[in-house]
């Protein structure tokens, strides 16, 4: 049986980290642009990186929230494709995993 409480705590902690990071990114992006053209160019490049980090954080947040919902409804830890249990070793690495190792491999090989 999967220790869902352990994963719930991990997921909630990670979600808090992401929320804090997203707030910081928003604050950085809201800063007034530097009037110097060369410096503004560097800021623009930095903003693009921050925006991508923010987008990645939002995607991960959605995955975490979905995993927390699966914990609530009792489907956490089961592959969404084959309904087999996801190994705890996989969940330890990616606690919001939705596929077992075999289904994830099949998906990767079909996308190659």
PDB file of N, CA and C in Angstrom:
ATOM      1  N   UNK A   1       0.834  -1.183   0.000  1.00  0.00           N
ATOM      2  CA  UNK A   1       0.000   0.000   0.000  1.00  0.00           C
ATOM      3  C   UNK A   1       0.882   1.252   0.000  1.00  0.00           C
ATOM      4  N   UNK A   2       0.471   2.246  -0.732  1.00  0.00           N
ATOM      5  CA  UNK A   2       1.239   3.471  -0.889  1.00  0.00           C
ATOM      6  C   UNK A   2       0.969   4.411   0.291  1.00  0.00           C
ATOM      7  N   UNK A   3       2.036   5.000   0.817  1.00  0.00           N
ATOM      8  CA  UNK A   3       1.932   5.964   1.907  1.00  0.00           C
ATOM      9  C   UNK A   3       1.554   7.326   1.314  1.00  0.00           C
ATOM     10  N   UNK A   4       0.266   7.521   1.082  1.00  0.00           N
ATOM     11  CA  UNK A   4      -0.173   8.753   0.422  1.00  0.00           C
ATOM     12  C   UNK A   4       0.109   9.989   1.274  1.00  0.00           C
ATOM     13  N   UNK A   5       0.122   9.849   2.578  1.00  0.00           N
ATOM     14  CA  UNK A   5       0.396  11.000   3.446  1.00  0.00           C
ATOM     15  C   UNK A   5       1.805  11.531   3.197  1.00  0.00           C
ATOM     16  N   UNK A   6       2.745  10.632   3.037  1.00  0.00           N
ATOM     17  CA  UNK A   6       4.131  11.032   2.741  1.00  0.00           C
ATOM     18  C   UNK A   6       4.178  11.839   1.443  1.00  0.00           C
ATOM     19  N   UNK A   7       3.508  11.337   0.420  1.00  0.00           N
ATOM     20  CA  UNK A   7       3.520  12.017  -0.879  1.00  0.00           C
ATOM     21  C   UNK A   7       2.716  13.313  -0.840  1.00  0.00           C
ATOM     22  N   UNK A   8       1.626  13.322  -0.082  1.00  0.00           N
ATOM     23  CA  UNK A   8       0.842  14.546   0.046  1.00  0.00           C
ATOM     24  C   UNK A   8       1.707  15.656   0.645  1.00  0.00           C
ATOM     25  N   UNK A   9       2.460  15.321   1.683  1.00  0.00           N
ATOM     26  CA  UNK A   9       3.333  16.313   2.317  1.00  0.00           C
ATOM     27  C   UNK A   9       4.413  16.796   1.348  1.00  0.00           C
ATOM     28  N   UNK A  10       5.012  15.869   0.604  1.00  0.00           N
ATOM     29  CA  UNK A  10       6.034  16.248  -0.385  1.00  0.00           C
ATOM     30  C   UNK A  10       5.443  17.156  -1.459  1.00  0.00           C
ATOM     31  N   UNK A  11       4.271  16.780  -1.952  1.00  0.00           N
ATOM     32  CA  UNK A  11       3.632  17.557  -3.012  1.00  0.00           C
ATOM     33  C   UNK A  11       3.244  18.952  -2.521  1.00  0.00           C
ATOM     34  N   UNK A  12       2.699  19.036  -1.331  1.00  0.00           N
ATOM     35  CA  UNK A  12       2.321  20.340  -0.788  1.00  0.00           C
ATOM     36  C   UNK A  12       3.539  21.222  -0.539  1.00  0.00           C
ATOM     37  N   UNK A  13       4.633  20.626  -0.073  1.00  0.00           N
ATOM     38  CA  UNK A  13       5.867  21.397   0.146  1.00  0.00           C
ATOM     39  C   UNK A  13       6.407  21.919  -1.181  1.00  0.00           C
ATOM     40  N   UNK A  14       6.410  21.071  -2.195  1.00  0.00           N
ATOM     41  CA  UNK A  14       6.893  21.493  -3.513  1.00  0.00           C
ATOM     42  C   UNK A  14       5.992  22.568  -4.104  1.00  0.00           C
ATOM     43  N   UNK A  15       4.687  22.435  -3.918  1.00  0.00           N
ATOM     44  CA  UNK A  15       3.750  23.435  -4.412  1.00  0.00           C
ATOM     45  C   UNK A  15       4.014  24.785  -3.752  1.00  0.00           C
ATOM     46  N   UNK A  16       4.300  24.778  -2.473  1.00  0.00           N
ATOM     47  CA  UNK A  16       4.624  26.025  -1.757  1.00  0.00           C
ATOM     48  C   UNK A  16       5.898  26.642  -2.331  1.00  0.00           C
ATOM     49  N   UNK A  17       6.923  25.821  -2.584  1.00  0.00           N
ATOM     50  CA  UNK A  17       8.166  26.317  -3.199  1.00  0.00           C
ATOM     51  C   UNK A  17       7.880  26.971  -4.545  1.00  0.00           C
ATOM     52  N   UNK A  18       7.070  26.309  -5.355  1.00  0.00           N
ATOM     53  CA  UNK A  18       6.745  26.838  -6.674  1.00  0.00           C
ATOM     54  C   UNK A  18       5.968  28.151  -6.570  1.00  0.00           C
ATOM     55  N   UNK A  19       5.021  28.211  -5.654  1.00  0.00           N
ATOM     56  CA  UNK A  19       4.253  29.445  -5.473  1.00  0.00           C
ATOM     57  C   UNK A  19       5.166  30.596  -5.077  1.00  0.00           C
ATOM     58  N   UNK A  20       6.095  30.337  -4.149  1.00  0.00           N
ATOM     59  CA  UNK A  20       7.051  31.372  -3.736  1.00  0.00           C
ATOM     60  C   UNK A  20       7.912  31.812  -4.914  1.00  0.00           C
ATOM     61  N   UNK A  21       8.371  30.845  -5.706  1.00  0.00           N
ATOM     62  CA  UNK A  21       9.199  31.167  -6.875  1.00  0.00           C
ATOM     63  C   UNK A  21       8.403  31.993  -7.884  1.00  0.00           C
ATOM     64  N   UNK A  22       7.149  31.628  -8.115  1.00  0.00           N
ATOM     65  CA  UNK A  22       6.327  32.357  -9.074  1.00  0.00           C
ATOM     66  C   UNK A  22       6.077  33.795  -8.625  1.00  0.00           C
ATOM     67  N   UNK A  23       5.901  33.990  -7.337  1.00  0.00           N
ATOM     68  CA  UNK A  23       5.746  35.350  -6.815  1.00  0.00           C
ATOM     69  C   UNK A  23       7.019  36.149  -7.068  1.00  0.00           C
ATOM     70  N   UNK A  24       8.161  35.551  -6.799  1.00  0.00           N
ATOM     71  CA  UNK A  24       9.442  36.219  -7.037  1.00  0.00           C
ATOM     72  C   UNK A  24       9.624  36.552  -8.525  1.00  0.00           C
ATOM     73  N   UNK A  25       9.274  35.635  -9.379  1.00  0.00           N
ATOM     74  CA  UNK A  25       9.394  35.861 -10.828  1.00  0.00           C
ATOM     75  C   UNK A  25       8.490  37.018 -11.253  1.00  0.00           C
ATOM     76  N   UNK A  26       7.261  37.023 -10.752  1.00  0.00           N
ATOM     77  CA  UNK A  26       6.345  38.125 -11.093  1.00  0.00           C
ATOM     78  C   UNK A  26       6.915  39.466 -10.651  1.00  0.00           C
ATOM     79  N   UNK A  27       7.492  39.496  -9.457  1.00  0.00           N
ATOM     80  CA  UNK A  27       8.085  40.744  -8.958  1.00  0.00           C
ATOM     81  C   UNK A  27       9.238  41.187  -9.853  1.00  0.00           C
ATOM     82  N   UNK A  28      10.066  40.236 -10.266  1.00  0.00           N
ATOM     83  CA  UNK A  28      11.190  40.557 -11.150  1.00  0.00           C
ATOM     84  C   UNK A  28      10.697  41.093 -12.495  1.00  0.00           C
ATOM     85  N   UNK A  29       9.670  40.470 -13.027  1.00  0.00           N
ATOM     86  CA  UNK A  29       9.154  40.887 -14.330  1.00  0.00           C
ATOM     87  C   UNK A  29       8.449  42.242 -14.269  1.00  0.00           C
ATOM     88  N   UNK A  30       7.955  42.607 -13.081  1.00  0.00           N
ATOM     89  CA  UNK A  30       7.251  43.882 -12.926  1.00  0.00           C
ATOM     90  C   UNK A  30       8.192  45.070 -12.716  1.00  0.00           C
ATOM     91  N   UNK A  31       9.485  44.796 -12.556  1.00  0.00           N
ATOM     92  CA  UNK A  31      10.437  45.888 -12.333  1.00  0.00           C
ATOM     93  C   UNK A  31      10.469  46.821 -13.538  1.00  0.00           C
ATOM     94  N   UNK A  32      10.713  48.088 -13.258  1.00  0.00           N
ATOM     95  CA  UNK A  32      10.792  49.108 -14.309  1.00  0.00           C
ATOM     96  C   UNK A  32      12.020  48.843 -15.173  1.00  0.00           C
ATOM     97  N   UNK A  33      11.838  48.862 -16.501  1.00  0.00           N
ATOM     98  CA  UNK A  33      12.978  48.628 -17.391  1.00  0.00           C
ATOM     99  C   UNK A  33      14.049  49.712 -17.234  1.00  0.00           C
ATOM    100  N   UNK A  34      15.276  49.306 -17.394  1.00  0.00           N
ATOM    101  CA  UNK A  34      16.407  50.231 -17.334  1.00  0.00           C
ATOM    102  C   UNK A  34      16.361  51.144 -18.557  1.00  0.00           C
ATOM    103  N   UNK A  35      16.606  52.451 -18.376  1.00  0.00           N
ATOM    104  CA  UNK A  35      16.570  53.361 -19.525  1.00  0.00           C
ATOM    105  C   UNK A  35      17.725  53.151 -20.504  1.00  0.00           C
ATOM    106  N   UNK A  36      18.801  52.545 -20.049  1.00  0.00           N
ATOM    107  CA  UNK A  36      19.949  52.297 -20.920  1.00  0.00           C
ATOM    108  C   UNK A  36      19.606  51.171 -21.902  1.00  0.00           C
ATOM    109  N   UNK A  37      19.779  51.437 -23.202  1.00  0.00           N
ATOM    110  CA  UNK A  37      19.390  50.470 -24.242  1.00  0.00           C
ATOM    111  C   UNK A  37      20.106  49.131 -24.072  1.00  0.00           C
ATOM    112  N   UNK A  38      21.416  49.156 -23.854  1.00  0.00           N
ATOM    113  CA  UNK A  38      22.182  47.911 -23.732  1.00  0.00           C
ATOM    114  C   UNK A  38      21.716  47.111 -22.512  1.00  0.00           C
ATOM    115  N   UNK A  39      21.505  47.812 -21.425  1.00  0.00           N
ATOM    116  CA  UNK A  39      21.050  47.135 -20.212  1.00  0.00           C
ATOM    117  C   UNK A  39      19.628  46.604 -20.391  1.00  0.00           C
ATOM    118  N   UNK A  40      18.792  47.352 -21.096  1.00  0.00           N
ATOM    119  CA  UNK A  40      17.411  46.921 -21.360  1.00  0.00           C
ATOM    120  C   UNK A  40      17.401  45.651 -22.205  1.00  0.00           C
ATOM    121  N   UNK A  41      18.353  45.543 -23.112  1.00  0.00           N
ATOM    122  CA  UNK A  41      18.472  44.351 -23.947  1.00  0.00           C
ATOM    123  C   UNK A  41      18.790  43.122 -23.091  1.00  0.00           C
ATOM    124  N   UNK A  42      19.696  43.296 -22.149  1.00  0.00           N
ATOM    125  CA  UNK A  42      20.053  42.198 -21.240  1.00  0.00           C
ATOM    126  C   UNK A  42      18.847  41.847 -20.371  1.00  0.00           C
ATOM    127  N   UNK A  43      18.144  42.874 -19.905  1.00  0.00           N
ATOM    128  CA  UNK A  43      16.952  42.636 -19.088  1.00  0.00           C
ATOM    129  C   UNK A  43      15.895  41.847 -19.871  1.00  0.00           C
ATOM    130  N   UNK A  44      15.759  42.173 -21.138  1.00  0.00           N
ATOM    131  CA  UNK A  44      14.793  41.469 -21.981  1.00  0.00           C
ATOM    132  C   UNK A  44      15.132  39.979 -22.068  1.00  0.00           C
ATOM    133  N   UNK A  45      16.408  39.680 -22.249  1.00  0.00           N
ATOM    134  CA  UNK A  45      16.828  38.277 -22.297  1.00  0.00           C
ATOM    135  C   UNK A  45      16.560  37.595 -20.957  1.00  0.00           C
ATOM    136  N   UNK A  46      16.867  38.302 -19.872  1.00  0.00           N
ATOM    137  CA  UNK A  46      16.600  37.748 -18.542  1.00  0.00           C
ATOM    138  C   UNK A  46      15.112  37.510 -18.338  1.00  0.00           C
ATOM    139  N   UNK A  47      14.286  38.446 -18.831  1.00  0.00           N
ATOM    140  CA  UNK A  47      12.837  38.301 -18.699  1.00  0.00           C
ATOM    141  C   UNK A  47      12.334  37.074 -19.439  1.00  0.00           C
ATOM    142  N   UNK A  48      12.913  36.798 -20.601  1.00  0.00           N
ATOM    143  CA  UNK A  48      12.500  35.611 -21.355  1.00  0.00           C
ATOM    144  C   UNK A  48      12.792  34.337 -20.568  1.00  0.00           C
ATOM    145  N   UNK A  49      13.945  34.311 -19.916  1.00  0.00           N
ATOM    146  CA  UNK A  49      14.305  33.147 -19.091  1.00  0.00           C
ATOM    147  C   UNK A  49      13.338  33.038 -17.914  1.00  0.00           C
ATOM    148  N   UNK A  50      13.064  34.172 -17.267  1.00  0.00           N
ATOM    149  CA  UNK A  50      12.141  34.166 -16.128  1.00  0.00           C
ATOM    150  C   UNK A  50      10.738  33.715 -16.553  1.00  0.00           C
ATOM    151  N   UNK A  51      10.299  34.180 -17.709  1.00  0.00           N
ATOM    152  CA  UNK A  51       8.977  33.769 -18.197  1.00  0.00           C
ATOM    153  C   UNK A  51       8.926  32.262 -18.432  1.00  0.00           C
ATOM    154  N   UNK A  52       9.990  31.702 -18.988  1.00  0.00           N
ATOM    155  CA  UNK A  52      10.014  30.258 -19.219  1.00  0.00           C
ATOM    156  C   UNK A  52      10.027  29.500 -17.895  1.00  0.00           C
ATOM    157  N   UNK A  53      10.801  29.997 -16.923  1.00  0.00           N
ATOM    158  CA  UNK A  53      10.802  29.368 -15.601  1.00  0.00           C
ATOM    159  C   UNK A  53       9.411  29.440 -14.972  1.00  0.00           C
ATOM    160  N   UNK A  54       8.757  30.577 -15.150  1.00  0.00           N
ATOM    161  CA  UNK A  54       7.402  30.735 -14.632  1.00  0.00           C
ATOM    162  C   UNK A  54       6.436  29.771 -15.292  1.00  0.00           C
ATOM    163  N   UNK A  55       6.532  29.648 -16.610  1.00  0.00           N
ATOM    164  CA  UNK A  55       5.656  28.712 -17.333  1.00  0.00           C
ATOM    165  C   UNK A  55       5.909  27.278 -16.885  1.00  0.00           C
ATOM    166  N   UNK A  56       7.185  26.922 -16.723  1.00  0.00           N
ATOM    167  CA  UNK A  56       7.514  25.572 -16.251  1.00  0.00           C
ATOM    168  C   UNK A  56       6.943  25.336 -14.854  1.00  0.00           C
ATOM    169  N   UNK A  57       7.031  26.360 -14.015  1.00  0.00           N
ATOM    170  CA  UNK A  57       6.488  26.260 -12.662  1.00  0.00           C
ATOM    171  C   UNK A  57       4.980  26.079 -12.662  1.00  0.00           C
ATOM    172  N   UNK A  58       4.307  26.781 -13.561  1.00  0.00           N
ATOM    173  CA  UNK A  58       2.851  26.636 -13.666  1.00  0.00           C
ATOM    174  C   UNK A  58       2.459  25.232 -14.118  1.00  0.00           C
ATOM    175  N   UNK A  59       3.207  24.686 -15.061  1.00  0.00           N
ATOM    176  CA  UNK A  59       2.933  23.323 -15.536  1.00  0.00           C
ATOM    177  C   UNK A  59       3.121  22.323 -14.390  1.00  0.00           C
ATOM    178  N   UNK A  60       4.227  22.480 -13.658  1.00  0.00           N
ATOM    179  CA  UNK A  60       4.470  21.566 -12.542  1.00  0.00           C
ATOM    180  C   UNK A  60       3.405  21.736 -11.459  1.00  0.00           C
ATOM    181  N   UNK A  61       2.977  22.968 -11.213  1.00  0.00           N
ATOM    182  CA  UNK A  61       1.923  23.214 -10.218  1.00  0.00           C
ATOM    183  C   UNK A  61       0.638  22.494 -10.603  1.00  0.00           C
ATOM    184  N   UNK A  62       0.292  22.532 -11.883  1.00  0.00           N
ATOM    185  CA  UNK A  62      -0.917  21.834 -12.344  1.00  0.00           C
ATOM    186  C   UNK A  62      -0.793  20.327 -12.115  1.00  0.00           C
ATOM    187  N   UNK A  63       0.389  19.793 -12.393  1.00  0.00           N
ATOM    188  CA  UNK A  63       0.609  18.354 -12.192  1.00  0.00           C
ATOM    189  C   UNK A  63       0.495  17.997 -10.709  1.00  0.00           C
ATOM    190  N   UNK A  64       1.043  18.846  -9.864  1.00  0.00           N
ATOM    191  CA  UNK A  64       0.984  18.604  -8.420  1.00  0.00           C
ATOM    192  C   UNK A  64      -0.459  18.676  -7.928  1.00  0.00           C
ATOM    193  N   UNK A  65      -1.193  19.693  -8.366  1.00  0.00           N
ATOM    194  CA  UNK A  65      -2.597  19.807  -7.953  1.00  0.00           C
ATOM    195  C   UNK A  65      -3.409  18.606  -8.414  1.00  0.00           C
ATOM    196  N   UNK A  66      -3.120  18.112  -9.609  1.00  0.00           N
ATOM    197  CA  UNK A  66      -3.808  16.915 -10.101  1.00  0.00           C
ATOM    198  C   UNK A  66      -3.469  15.702  -9.231  1.00  0.00           C
ATOM    199  N   UNK A  67      -2.201  15.595  -8.825  1.00  0.00           N
ATOM    200  CA  UNK A  67      -1.788  14.486  -7.956  1.00  0.00           C
ATOM    201  C   UNK A  67      -2.481  14.587  -6.600  1.00  0.00           C
ATOM    202  N   UNK A  68      -2.605  15.795  -6.066  1.00  0.00           N
ATOM    203  CA  UNK A  68      -3.291  15.975  -4.789  1.00  0.00           C
ATOM    204  C   UNK A  68      -4.765  15.583  -4.915  1.00  0.00           C
ATOM    205  N   UNK A  69      -5.366  15.864  -6.054  1.00  0.00           N
ATOM    206  CA  UNK A  69      -6.752  15.434  -6.291  1.00  0.00           C
ATOM    207  C   UNK A  69      -6.841  13.909  -6.350  1.00  0.00           C
ATOM    208  N   UNK A  70      -5.838  13.275  -6.972  1.00  0.00           N
ATOM    209  CA  UNK A  70      -5.844  11.811  -7.032  1.00  0.00           C
ATOM    210  C   UNK A  70      -5.682  11.207  -5.641  1.00  0.00           C
ATOM    211  N   UNK A  71      -4.913  11.879  -4.780  1.00  0.00           N
ATOM    212  CA  UNK A  71      -4.805  11.404  -3.394  1.00  0.00           C
ATOM    213  C   UNK A  71      -6.177  11.465  -2.738  1.00  0.00           C
ATOM    214  N   UNK A  72      -6.882  12.570  -2.941  1.00  0.00           N
ATOM    215  CA  UNK A  72      -8.223  12.729  -2.334  1.00  0.00           C
ATOM    216  C   UNK A  72      -9.207  11.678  -2.830  1.00  0.00           C
ATOM    217  N   UNK A  73      -9.152  11.390  -4.138  1.00  0.00           N
ATOM    218  CA  UNK A  73     -10.153  10.449  -4.668  1.00  0.00           C
ATOM    219  C   UNK A  73      -9.708   8.985  -4.621  1.00  0.00           C
ATOM    220  N   UNK A  74      -8.495   8.746  -4.116  1.00  0.00           N
ATOM    221  CA  UNK A  74      -8.038   7.370  -3.935  1.00  0.00           C
ATOM    222  C   UNK A  74      -7.380   6.734  -5.143  1.00  0.00           C
ATOM    223  N   UNK A  75      -7.151   7.505  -6.194  1.00  0.00           N
ATOM    224  CA  UNK A  75      -6.535   6.923  -7.401  1.00  0.00           C
ATOM    225  C   UNK A  75      -5.035   7.219  -7.496  1.00  0.00           C
ATOM    226  N   UNK A  76      -4.484   7.885  -6.498  1.00  0.00           N
ATOM    227  CA  UNK A  76      -3.059   8.211  -6.522  1.00  0.00           C
ATOM    228  C   UNK A  76      -2.219   6.936  -6.491  1.00  0.00           C
ATOM    229  N   UNK A  77      -1.152   6.955  -7.289  1.00  0.00           N
ATOM    230  CA  UNK A  77      -0.228   5.828  -7.288  1.00  0.00           C
ATOM    231  C   UNK A  77      -0.583   4.725  -8.258  1.00  0.00           C
ATOM    232  N   UNK A  78      -1.623   4.960  -9.058  1.00  0.00           N
ATOM    233  CA  UNK A  78      -2.015   3.987 -10.066  1.00  0.00           C
ATOM    234  C   UNK A  78      -1.881   4.622 -11.449  1.00  0.00           C
ATOM    235  N   UNK A  79      -1.363   3.839 -12.371  1.00  0.00           N
ATOM    236  CA  UNK A  79      -1.132   4.298 -13.735  1.00  0.00           C
ATOM    237  C   UNK A  79      -2.469   4.664 -14.387  1.00  0.00           C
ATOM    238  N   UNK A  80      -2.505   5.823 -15.002  1.00  0.00           N
ATOM    239  CA  UNK A  80      -3.736   6.258 -15.666  1.00  0.00           C
ATOM    240  C   UNK A  80      -3.992   5.502 -16.963  1.00  0.00           C
ATOM    241  N   UNK A  81      -2.977   4.823 -17.466  1.00  0.00           N
ATOM    242  CA  UNK A  81      -3.137   4.084 -18.727  1.00  0.00           C
ATOM    243  C   UNK A  81      -3.526   2.625 -18.479  1.00  0.00           C
ATOM    244  N   UNK A  82      -2.786   1.926 -17.612  1.00  0.00           N
ATOM    245  CA  UNK A  82      -3.034   0.491 -17.414  1.00  0.00           C
ATOM    246  C   UNK A  82      -3.631   0.160 -16.048  1.00  0.00           C
ATOM    247  N   UNK A  83      -3.742   1.141 -15.170  1.00  0.00           N
ATOM    248  CA  UNK A  83      -4.309   0.999 -13.825  1.00  0.00           C
ATOM    249  C   UNK A  83      -3.474   0.114 -12.888  1.00  0.00           C
ATOM    250  N   UNK A  84      -2.244  -0.176 -13.287  1.00  0.00           N
ATOM    251  CA  UNK A  84      -1.332  -0.915 -12.407  1.00  0.00           C
ATOM    252  C   UNK A  84      -0.693   0.068 -11.422  1.00  0.00           C
ATOM    253  N   UNK A  85      -0.257  -0.428 -10.263  1.00  0.00           N
ATOM    254  CA  UNK A  85       0.401   0.462  -9.301  1.00  0.00           C
ATOM    255  C   UNK A  85       1.699   1.038  -9.878  1.00  0.00           C
ATOM    256  N   UNK A  86       1.948   2.299  -9.559  1.00  0.00           N
ATOM    257  CA  UNK A  86       3.223   2.937  -9.899  1.00  0.00           C
ATOM    258  C   UNK A  86       4.179   2.620  -8.761  1.00  0.00           C
ATOM    259  N   UNK A  87       5.362   2.144  -9.084  1.00  0.00           N
ATOM    260  CA  UNK A  87       6.326   1.763  -8.056  1.00  0.00           C
ATOM    261  C   UNK A  87       6.674   2.948  -7.160  1.00  0.00           C
ATOM    262  N   UNK A  88       6.784   2.703  -5.853  1.00  0.00           N
ATOM    263  CA  UNK A  88       7.164   3.778  -4.938  1.00  0.00           C
ATOM    264  C   UNK A  88       8.497   4.449  -5.319  1.00  0.00           C
ATOM    265  N   UNK A  89       9.413   3.667  -5.902  1.00  0.00           N
ATOM    266  CA  UNK A  89      10.694   4.241  -6.319  1.00  0.00           C
ATOM    267  C   UNK A  89      10.483   5.329  -7.374  1.00  0.00           C
ATOM    268  N   UNK A  90       9.510   5.124  -8.254  1.00  0.00           N
ATOM    269  CA  UNK A  90       9.192   6.121  -9.282  1.00  0.00           C
ATOM    270  C   UNK A  90       8.518   7.336  -8.631  1.00  0.00           C
ATOM    271  N   UNK A  91       7.583   7.085  -7.718  1.00  0.00           N
ATOM    272  CA  UNK A  91       6.893   8.176  -7.037  1.00  0.00           C
ATOM    273  C   UNK A  91       7.842   8.977  -6.151  1.00  0.00           C
ATOM    274  N   UNK A  92       8.878   8.323  -5.631  1.00  0.00           N
ATOM    275  CA  UNK A  92       9.867   9.045  -4.823  1.00  0.00           C
ATOM    276  C   UNK A  92      10.603  10.083  -5.664  1.00  0.00           C
ATOM    277  N   UNK A  93      10.784   9.784  -6.942  1.00  0.00           N
ATOM    278  CA  UNK A  93      11.484  10.702  -7.845  1.00  0.00           C
ATOM    279  C   UNK A  93      10.517  11.726  -8.429  1.00  0.00           C
ATOM    280  N   UNK A  94       9.355  11.253  -8.882  1.00  0.00           N
ATOM    281  CA  UNK A  94       8.348  12.126  -9.499  1.00  0.00           C
ATOM    282  C   UNK A  94       7.012  11.823  -8.808  1.00  0.00           C
ATOM    283  N   UNK A  95       6.735  12.475  -7.680  1.00  0.00           N
ATOM    284  CA  UNK A  95       5.532  12.123  -6.927  1.00  0.00           C
ATOM    285  C   UNK A  95       4.220  12.421  -7.643  1.00  0.00           C
ATOM    286  N   UNK A  96       4.268  13.195  -8.716  1.00  0.00           N
ATOM    287  CA  UNK A  96       3.050  13.467  -9.477  1.00  0.00           C
ATOM    288  C   UNK A  96       2.979  12.616 -10.748  1.00  0.00           C
ATOM    289  N   UNK A  97       3.779  11.545 -10.802  1.00  0.00           N
ATOM    290  CA  UNK A  97       3.780  10.660 -11.971  1.00  0.00           C
ATOM    291  C   UNK A  97       2.381  10.090 -12.200  1.00  0.00           C
ATOM    292  N   UNK A  98       2.000  10.026 -13.478  1.00  0.00           N
ATOM    293  CA  UNK A  98       0.674   9.491 -13.819  1.00  0.00           C
ATOM    294  C   UNK A  98       0.767   8.153 -14.544  1.00  0.00           C
ATOM    295  N   UNK A  99       1.986   7.778 -14.944  1.00  0.00           N
ATOM    296  CA  UNK A  99       2.181   6.527 -15.669  1.00  0.00           C
ATOM    297  C   UNK A  99       3.175   5.646 -14.943  1.00  0.00           C
ATOM    298  N   UNK A 100       2.955   4.337 -15.006  1.00  0.00           N
ATOM    299  CA  UNK A 100       3.938   3.397 -14.487  1.00  0.00           C
ATOM    300  C   UNK A 100       5.162   3.416 -15.411  1.00  0.00           C
ATOM    301  N   UNK A 101       6.202   2.798 -14.990  1.00  0.00           N
ATOM    302  CA  UNK A 101       7.442   2.795 -15.766  1.00  0.00           C
ATOM    303  C   UNK A 101       7.232   2.197 -17.160  1.00  0.00           C
ATOM    304  N   UNK A 102       6.498   1.096 -17.241  1.00  0.00           N
ATOM    305  CA  UNK A 102       6.288   0.440 -18.542  1.00  0.00           C
ATOM    306  C   UNK A 102       5.504   1.324 -19.507  1.00  0.00           C
ATOM    307  N   UNK A 103       4.421   1.917 -19.036  1.00  0.00           N
ATOM    308  CA  UNK A 103       3.622   2.785 -19.921  1.00  0.00           C
ATOM    309  C   UNK A 103       4.396   4.048 -20.314  1.00  0.00           C
ATOM    310  N   UNK A 104       5.200   4.561 -19.397  1.00  0.00           N
ATOM    311  CA  UNK A 104       6.015   5.742 -19.709  1.00  0.00           C
ATOM    312  C   UNK A 104       7.040   5.392 -20.781  1.00  0.00           C
ATOM    313  N   UNK A 105       7.639   4.212 -20.668  1.00  0.00           N
ATOM    314  CA  UNK A 105       8.607   3.773 -21.710  1.00  0.00           C
ATOM    315  C   UNK A 105       7.934   3.628 -23.069  1.00  0.00           C
ATOM    316  N   UNK A 106       6.760   3.006 -23.069  1.00  0.00           N
ATOM    317  CA  UNK A 106       6.038   2.820 -24.327  1.00  0.00           C
ATOM    318  C   UNK A 106       5.711   4.178 -24.962  1.00  0.00           C
ATOM    319  N   UNK A 107       5.302   5.121 -24.144  1.00  0.00           N
ATOM    320  CA  UNK A 107       4.982   6.446 -24.649  1.00  0.00           C
ATOM    321  C   UNK A 107       6.220   7.132 -25.204  1.00  0.00           C
ATOM    322  N   UNK A 108       7.335   7.021 -24.506  1.00  0.00           N
ATOM    323  CA  UNK A 108       8.594   7.619 -24.986  1.00  0.00           C
ATOM    324  C   UNK A 108       9.031   7.001 -26.305  1.00  0.00           C
ATOM    325  N   UNK A 109       8.932   5.683 -26.405  1.00  0.00           N
ATOM    326  CA  UNK A 109       9.383   5.022 -27.639  1.00  0.00           C
ATOM    327  C   UNK A 109       8.447   5.337 -28.809  1.00  0.00           C
ATOM    328  N   UNK A 110       7.170   5.538 -28.541  1.00  0.00           N
ATOM    329  CA  UNK A 110       6.258   5.886 -29.636  1.00  0.00           C
ATOM    330  C   UNK A 110       6.431   7.334 -30.083  1.00  0.00           C
ATOM    331  N   UNK A 111       6.968   8.185 -29.224  1.00  0.00           N
ATOM    332  CA  UNK A 111       7.223   9.588 -29.578  1.00  0.00           C
ATOM    333  C   UNK A 111       8.580   9.781 -30.237  1.00  0.00           C
ATOM    334  N   UNK A 112       9.408   8.747 -30.251  1.00  0.00           N
ATOM    335  CA  UNK A 112      10.756   8.872 -30.844  1.00  0.00           C
ATOM    336  C   UNK A 112      10.721   8.684 -32.329  1.00  0.00           C
TER     337      UNK A 112
END
